[in-house]
Amino acid sequence: MKLCITGGGTGGHLMVAEALAKSAIKNGDEVIFIGSQKGQDRKYFENSSLFSAVYFLSTSGVVDKKGLKKLSSLFNIFKAFLRAREILKNHQVEATYSVGGFSSAPASFASLSSSIPLFIHEQNAVTGRLNSLLKRFSKSFISAYDKSSKIKGYPVNDIFFQTQRVRSELKTIIFLGGSHGAKVINDLALSVAQDLKDRGIKIIHQVGESDYERVEKEYKKLGIDVELYSFTKELASLIAQSDLAVSRAGASTLWELTSNGVPTFYIPYPYAAGDHQYHNAQFIVENSLGWCYREKEDLKINLLNILNEPLQEKSASLIKYATKDVADKMIKDVKNYNQL
C-alpha cells in the first residue's frame, strides 16, 4: 500500500504521524509525508528516514486570521491543494491519513477531490474545526475520547507500555514544563520544592530552554538538589522513574503518562485552541484518574493536598485505560478498507 500521512503544526500531531509511519513501514507499506513549511513539521521530518518522500507546503492557520490575512491564508491553502493533488498522483497514493492541524488541509482536500480514501485521527477531546468539517467525508474517524470511535486509545510509543508500573508510593515527582517552558509549572515547582525536600521526595524537572537559567539559580538559592533539564530526549525514562507528574494537558503527553500509569496533576494551557487542553484533562478527572486545575486557582495548596492522597488505585486504573498497538490497528483499518 502507498500511504500519505499529512498534518502537523505541533509536536502532538507529528508524534501521531511518526507512530503511524512506523507501523505502516513495519507492514511493508510505502509512506510519504505532506506538511507545512510552518510549525514544527520540517523540524521533525525534513531528514527523516521513515518516509520515501517529504513535502512542506506554504500554508498557515486560518481560524486565527482576520480580513486580508485570512484571504491570503485561504489562497495559500488553495495553491497548496493543487500541489498536493500533483504529489498524490505522482506517488500513486492509495490512502491518506490526516493527523490534524492546519498542515493537513491541502492533502486532505486533495485526497477527497481525487477519490482517495481519507482517514482521520483527532488527538484532542475537542474536535478541531478542520476535522469537524472533514469527519463526514472520512472512511474512519479515530479519537481516544469519542465513544463511537471504532478504535479506542491513542498512538503511544511502546516504551511507555514496556516501562509501565503501578505506583504505590510517592518517591519521585516530575514537573514537565515542556520544550518551550511553562512558567506557571516552573514557578509551582519552586514554590513546593522545600515541602517536597522535607518529605524526602525527589524532584525531576524538565524546565524548558528559555527558563532554565532562572530556575536553576532559584533552586540553588533554596539549596534544593534537583534533577534539572532544559530539554532531554530521555523523557520516557524520566517519566518511568516518576510516581506523580505535574504537566500541561497536550494529548500526546497526557496519553504517554496514562500509558505508563503516572497519576498526574494537570494545568491546562489556557490559550489552547478551543480550550482543548482543559477538555483533554477533564476526561481524566471525570474518570477519577487524576487532577486538573486552572492557572488562576491556588496550585500550591491543591498540589500539596494531593501529596497525601493514595496513588495505587489511580495508577492501576490509568493502565487499564491505556491501549497498546493503536497505530497498528489504525493502519490495519486502512488496509482492510482498501481490500474491500
Protein backbone atom coordinates (compact mmCIF):
# COMPACT_ATOMS: atom_id res chain seq x y z
CA MET A 1 0.00 0.00 0.00
CA LYS A 2 1.14 3.54 -0.77
CA LEU A 3 0.08 5.81 2.07
CA CYS A 4 0.22 9.57 2.56
CA ILE A 5 0.36 10.89 6.10
CA THR A 6 -0.49 14.57 6.44
CA GLY A 7 -0.86 17.11 9.22
CA GLY A 8 1.18 18.71 11.94
CA GLY A 9 1.92 22.17 13.21
CA THR A 10 2.55 20.94 16.76
CA GLY A 11 4.62 18.12 18.20
CA GLY A 12 1.48 16.27 19.31
CA HIS A 13 0.19 15.88 15.75
CA LEU A 14 3.62 14.92 14.47
CA MET A 15 4.16 12.24 17.11
CA VAL A 16 0.99 10.54 15.89
CA ALA A 17 2.26 10.85 12.31
CA GLU A 18 5.52 9.21 13.34
CA ALA A 19 3.74 6.34 15.09
CA LEU A 20 1.57 5.69 12.02
CA ALA A 21 4.57 5.81 9.69
CA LYS A 22 6.50 3.29 11.78
CA SER A 23 3.52 0.94 11.84
CA ALA A 24 2.95 1.22 8.09
CA ILE A 25 6.62 0.59 7.29
CA LYS A 26 6.61 -2.42 9.59
CA ASN A 27 3.82 -3.79 7.40
CA GLY A 28 5.85 -3.22 4.24
CA ASP A 29 3.97 -0.12 3.09
CA GLU A 30 5.48 2.93 1.37
CA VAL A 31 4.76 6.22 3.14
CA ILE A 32 5.10 9.85 2.11
CA PHE A 33 4.51 12.91 4.28
CA ILE A 34 2.86 16.21 3.35
CA GLY A 35 3.12 19.00 5.90
CA SER A 36 3.67 22.73 6.13
CA GLN A 37 6.70 24.98 5.96
CA LYS A 38 5.45 26.50 9.23
CA GLY A 39 5.00 24.90 12.62
CA GLN A 40 7.31 22.06 13.63
CA ASP A 41 6.76 19.85 10.57
CA ARG A 42 10.13 20.49 8.94
CA LYS A 43 11.99 20.16 12.26
CA TYR A 44 10.51 16.71 12.81
CA PHE A 45 10.61 15.15 9.36
CA GLU A 46 12.87 17.03 6.94
CA ASN A 47 15.66 14.48 7.36
CA SER A 48 13.52 11.56 8.48
CA SER A 49 14.30 8.11 7.09
CA LEU A 50 10.71 7.00 7.73
CA PHE A 51 9.28 8.43 4.54
CA SER A 52 10.13 7.75 0.90
CA ALA A 53 9.44 11.46 0.26
CA VAL A 54 8.52 14.52 2.34
CA TYR A 55 6.87 17.76 1.21
CA PHE A 56 6.45 21.02 3.12
CA LEU A 57 3.90 23.31 1.51
CA SER A 58 3.31 27.00 2.13
CA THR A 59 0.29 27.02 4.45
CA SER A 60 -0.74 28.57 7.75
CA GLY A 61 -3.74 28.55 10.07
CA VAL A 62 -6.94 30.31 9.03
CA VAL A 63 -9.00 30.39 12.24
CA ASP A 64 -6.82 32.97 13.98
CA LYS A 65 -6.65 35.31 10.96
CA LYS A 66 -8.86 38.27 10.02
CA GLY A 67 -9.57 40.27 6.89
CA LEU A 68 -6.90 40.19 4.19
CA LYS A 69 -4.70 37.85 6.22
CA LYS A 70 -7.49 35.26 6.28
CA LEU A 71 -7.95 35.61 2.50
CA SER A 72 -4.20 35.27 1.99
CA SER A 73 -4.13 32.08 4.11
CA LEU A 74 -7.03 30.60 2.16
CA PHE A 75 -5.32 31.42 -1.16
CA ASN A 76 -2.11 29.74 0.02
CA ILE A 77 -4.07 26.66 1.03
CA PHE A 78 -5.69 26.57 -2.41
CA LYS A 79 -2.28 26.70 -4.14
CA ALA A 80 -1.01 24.00 -1.76
CA PHE A 81 -4.14 21.93 -2.53
CA LEU A 82 -3.26 21.96 -6.25
CA ARG A 83 0.32 20.96 -5.46
CA ALA A 84 -0.89 18.19 -3.14
CA ARG A 85 -3.05 16.75 -5.94
CA GLU A 86 0.07 16.51 -8.11
CA ILE A 87 2.05 14.84 -5.32
CA LEU A 88 -0.64 12.25 -4.59
CA LYS A 89 -0.94 11.43 -8.30
CA ASN A 90 2.82 11.19 -8.83
CA HIS A 91 3.23 8.79 -5.89
CA GLN A 92 0.08 6.83 -6.78
CA VAL A 93 -1.16 7.20 -3.20
CA GLU A 94 -3.91 4.75 -2.27
CA ALA A 95 -4.98 6.26 1.07
CA THR A 96 -4.35 9.39 3.12
CA TYR A 97 -4.21 9.59 6.90
CA SER A 98 -4.68 13.04 8.41
CA VAL A 99 -3.38 13.60 11.93
CA GLY A 100 -4.97 17.05 12.08
CA GLY A 101 -3.68 20.61 12.32
CA PHE A 102 -3.65 23.27 9.62
CA SER A 103 -0.89 21.37 7.80
CA SER A 104 -3.36 18.65 6.87
CA ALA A 105 -5.78 20.80 4.86
CA PRO A 106 -4.20 20.68 1.36
CA ALA A 107 -3.60 16.93 1.21
CA SER A 108 -6.93 16.10 2.88
CA PHE A 109 -8.95 18.12 0.36
CA ALA A 110 -6.72 16.89 -2.46
CA SER A 111 -7.44 13.29 -1.47
CA LEU A 112 -11.19 13.82 -1.39
CA SER A 113 -11.13 15.57 -4.77
CA SER A 114 -9.09 12.69 -6.20
CA SER A 115 -11.33 9.95 -4.74
CA ILE A 116 -8.52 8.76 -2.47
CA PRO A 117 -9.88 7.37 0.84
CA LEU A 118 -9.30 9.78 3.74
CA PHE A 119 -8.79 8.59 7.33
CA ILE A 120 -8.60 10.98 10.27
CA HIS A 121 -7.13 10.87 13.76
CA GLU A 122 -8.33 13.52 16.21
CA GLN A 123 -5.90 13.87 19.10
CA ASN A 124 -7.93 16.14 21.39
CA ALA A 125 -11.18 15.89 23.31
CA VAL A 126 -12.44 18.94 21.40
CA THR A 127 -12.52 18.21 17.67
CA GLY A 128 -10.66 20.81 15.63
CA ARG A 129 -12.58 22.86 13.06
CA LEU A 130 -10.92 21.25 10.06
CA ASN A 131 -11.53 17.74 11.38
CA SER A 132 -15.14 18.66 12.19
CA LEU A 133 -15.58 19.70 8.57
CA LEU A 134 -13.88 16.62 7.11
CA LYS A 135 -15.21 13.99 9.53
CA ARG A 136 -18.34 13.21 7.48
CA PHE A 137 -16.22 12.53 4.38
CA SER A 138 -13.68 10.27 6.07
CA LYS A 139 -13.69 6.49 5.98
CA SER A 140 -12.71 6.31 9.68
CA PHE A 141 -12.56 8.96 12.38
CA ILE A 142 -10.42 7.79 15.30
CA SER A 143 -10.35 9.50 18.70
CA ALA A 144 -9.45 8.29 22.18
CA TYR A 145 -12.25 10.49 23.56
CA ASP A 146 -15.03 9.57 21.13
CA LYS A 147 -17.17 6.67 22.33
CA SER A 148 -18.21 5.94 18.74
CA SER A 149 -14.60 5.54 17.56
CA LYS A 150 -14.06 2.04 16.16
CA ILE A 151 -10.52 2.04 17.61
CA LYS A 152 -10.06 3.01 21.25
CA GLY A 153 -6.92 4.62 22.61
CA TYR A 154 -4.12 6.87 21.39
CA PRO A 155 -0.95 6.01 19.43
CA VAL A 156 1.84 6.00 22.03
CA ASN A 157 5.45 4.87 21.77
CA ASP A 158 5.84 1.27 23.01
CA ILE A 159 8.44 2.33 25.59
CA PHE A 160 5.66 3.77 27.77
CA PHE A 161 3.96 0.36 27.86
CA GLN A 162 7.23 -1.53 28.36
CA THR A 163 8.05 0.52 31.48
CA GLN A 164 4.55 0.94 32.87
CA ARG A 165 4.02 0.07 36.53
CA VAL A 166 1.51 0.67 39.28
CA ARG A 167 2.64 3.48 41.58
CA SER A 168 2.00 2.73 45.22
CA GLU A 169 4.29 5.23 46.97
CA LEU A 170 5.34 8.80 46.16
CA LYS A 171 9.12 8.81 45.99
CA THR A 172 9.70 10.92 42.86
CA ILE A 173 7.73 13.76 41.25
CA ILE A 174 8.32 15.09 37.74
CA PHE A 175 7.46 18.62 36.59
CA LEU A 176 7.02 18.86 32.83
CA GLY A 177 7.44 22.45 31.71
CA GLY A 178 7.60 21.47 28.05
CA SER A 179 10.27 22.17 25.43
CA HIS A 180 9.46 25.90 25.48
CA GLY A 181 8.91 26.07 29.21
CA ALA A 182 5.68 26.69 31.12
CA LYS A 183 6.45 29.41 33.65
CA VAL A 184 3.43 28.58 35.80
CA ILE A 185 4.64 24.98 36.21
CA ASN A 186 8.22 26.08 36.82
CA ASP A 187 7.08 28.56 39.48
CA LEU A 188 4.86 25.94 41.11
CA ALA A 189 7.80 23.54 41.31
CA LEU A 190 9.93 26.19 43.01
CA SER A 191 7.15 27.07 45.45
CA VAL A 192 6.76 23.47 46.68
CA ALA A 193 10.42 22.41 46.45
CA GLN A 194 11.12 22.83 50.16
CA ASP A 195 7.98 20.88 51.12
CA LEU A 196 8.98 18.07 48.77
CA LYS A 197 12.51 18.00 50.19
CA ASP A 198 11.10 17.82 53.74
CA ARG A 199 9.02 14.81 52.70
CA GLY A 200 12.01 13.09 51.09
CA ILE A 201 10.50 13.31 47.60
CA LYS A 202 12.97 13.51 44.71
CA ILE A 203 12.34 16.23 42.10
CA ILE A 204 12.82 15.78 38.35
CA HIS A 205 12.15 18.96 36.44
CA GLN A 206 12.09 19.49 32.66
CA VAL A 207 12.04 23.26 32.65
CA GLY A 208 12.35 24.36 29.01
CA GLU A 209 15.34 26.08 27.44
CA SER A 210 14.07 29.65 27.79
CA ASP A 211 13.56 29.44 31.58
CA TYR A 212 16.42 27.14 32.50
CA GLU A 213 18.92 29.66 33.89
CA ARG A 214 16.35 31.40 36.09
CA VAL A 215 15.01 28.17 37.55
CA GLU A 216 18.49 26.73 38.11
CA LYS A 217 19.50 29.84 40.09
CA GLU A 218 16.33 29.67 42.21
CA TYR A 219 16.91 26.03 43.13
CA LYS A 220 20.48 26.88 44.15
CA LYS A 221 19.21 29.74 46.34
CA LEU A 222 16.82 27.31 48.01
CA GLY A 223 19.57 24.73 48.47
CA ILE A 224 17.43 22.09 46.79
CA ASP A 225 19.07 19.17 44.98
CA VAL A 226 17.05 18.59 41.81
CA GLU A 227 17.47 16.64 38.57
CA LEU A 228 17.06 19.56 36.18
CA TYR A 229 16.80 19.52 32.37
CA SER A 230 16.28 22.27 29.82
CA PHE A 231 15.45 19.66 27.17
CA THR A 232 16.05 15.92 27.07
CA LYS A 233 15.50 13.03 24.69
CA GLU A 234 15.30 10.68 27.69
CA LEU A 235 11.89 11.88 28.80
CA ALA A 236 10.35 8.40 28.62
CA SER A 237 12.95 7.10 31.08
CA LEU A 238 12.38 10.04 33.44
CA ILE A 239 8.62 9.52 33.35
CA ALA A 240 9.12 5.82 34.12
CA GLN A 241 11.10 6.78 37.26
CA SER A 242 8.36 9.11 38.49
CA ASP A 243 5.40 8.38 40.73
CA LEU A 244 3.50 11.65 40.22
CA ALA A 245 3.62 14.23 37.41
CA VAL A 246 2.73 17.90 37.05
CA SER A 247 2.09 18.74 33.41
CA ARG A 248 0.22 20.60 30.71
CA ALA A 249 -2.56 18.56 29.11
CA GLY A 250 -1.48 18.20 25.49
CA ALA A 251 -2.86 14.96 24.11
CA SER A 252 0.42 13.15 23.47
CA THR A 253 1.86 13.88 26.90
CA LEU A 254 -1.44 13.02 28.58
CA TRP A 255 -1.61 9.60 26.93
CA GLU A 256 2.07 8.86 27.49
CA LEU A 257 1.59 9.48 31.22
CA THR A 258 -1.63 7.45 31.18
CA SER A 259 0.01 4.52 29.40
CA ASN A 260 2.87 4.49 31.88
CA GLY A 261 0.48 4.62 34.84
CA VAL A 262 1.57 8.01 36.23
CA PRO A 263 -1.12 9.88 38.21
CA THR A 264 -0.90 13.49 37.06
CA PHE A 265 -1.76 16.99 38.27
CA TYR A 266 -2.76 18.76 35.03
CA ILE A 267 -2.52 22.52 34.49
CA PRO A 268 -4.01 23.14 31.03
CA TYR A 269 -2.51 25.79 28.76
CA PRO A 270 -5.25 28.46 28.91
CA TYR A 271 -4.79 29.74 25.35
CA ALA A 272 -5.03 26.40 23.53
CA ALA A 273 -7.50 26.44 20.61
CA GLY A 274 -10.98 25.60 21.82
CA ASP A 275 -9.55 25.25 25.34
CA HIS A 276 -8.80 21.68 24.25
CA GLN A 277 -6.17 21.01 26.94
CA TYR A 278 -8.74 21.62 29.66
CA HIS A 279 -11.19 19.24 28.00
CA ASN A 280 -8.43 16.64 27.50
CA ALA A 281 -7.74 16.74 31.23
CA GLN A 282 -11.44 16.65 32.11
CA PHE A 283 -11.61 13.21 30.54
CA ILE A 284 -9.04 12.12 33.14
CA VAL A 285 -10.82 13.88 36.02
CA GLU A 286 -14.28 12.58 35.12
CA ASN A 287 -12.94 9.03 35.22
CA SER A 288 -11.21 9.67 38.59
CA LEU A 289 -7.78 9.12 37.03
CA GLY A 290 -6.09 12.38 38.01
CA TRP A 291 -6.48 16.07 38.79
CA CYS A 292 -6.91 19.28 36.81
CA TYR A 293 -6.65 22.89 37.95
CA ARG A 294 -6.70 26.19 36.11
CA GLU A 295 -3.71 28.52 36.32
CA LYS A 296 -5.70 31.05 38.37
CA GLU A 297 -6.51 28.51 41.09
CA ASP A 298 -4.29 28.04 44.15
CA LEU A 299 -1.98 25.49 42.58
CA LYS A 300 0.41 25.19 45.51
CA ILE A 301 -2.27 24.32 48.09
CA ASN A 302 -4.00 21.89 45.73
CA LEU A 303 -0.75 20.12 44.86
CA LEU A 304 0.33 19.84 48.49
CA ASN A 305 -3.06 18.33 49.35
CA ILE A 306 -2.64 15.75 46.59
CA LEU A 307 0.70 14.61 48.02
CA ASN A 308 -1.25 12.95 50.82
CA GLU A 309 -3.60 11.04 48.53
CA PRO A 310 -3.07 7.33 47.75
CA LEU A 311 -1.74 6.67 44.24
CA GLN A 312 -2.21 2.96 43.72
CA GLU A 313 -5.87 2.89 42.65
CA LYS A 314 -5.48 5.77 40.19
CA SER A 315 -2.26 4.36 38.76
CA ALA A 316 -3.79 0.91 38.20
CA SER A 317 -6.88 2.44 36.60
CA LEU A 318 -4.76 4.54 34.24
CA ILE A 319 -3.04 1.43 32.94
CA LYS A 320 -6.43 -0.20 32.29
CA TYR A 321 -7.44 2.79 30.14
CA ALA A 322 -4.28 2.60 28.04
CA THR A 323 -4.45 0.59 24.82
CA LYS A 324 -1.43 -0.93 23.11
CA ASP A 325 -0.74 -1.11 19.39
CA VAL A 326 -3.22 1.64 18.46
CA ALA A 327 -1.15 2.76 15.46
CA ASP A 328 -1.03 -0.84 14.20
CA LYS A 329 -4.81 -1.07 14.48
CA MET A 330 -5.23 2.22 12.60
CA ILE A 331 -3.04 1.03 9.72
CA LYS A 332 -4.83 -2.35 9.66
CA ASP A 333 -8.13 -0.46 9.40
CA VAL A 334 -6.83 1.36 6.30
CA LYS A 335 -5.62 -1.87 4.69
CA ASN A 336 -8.93 -3.63 5.41
CA TYR A 337 -10.85 -0.84 3.72
CA ASN A 338 -8.58 -0.85 0.67
CA GLN A 339 -9.07 -4.61 0.29
CA LEU A 340 -12.85 -4.31 0.08
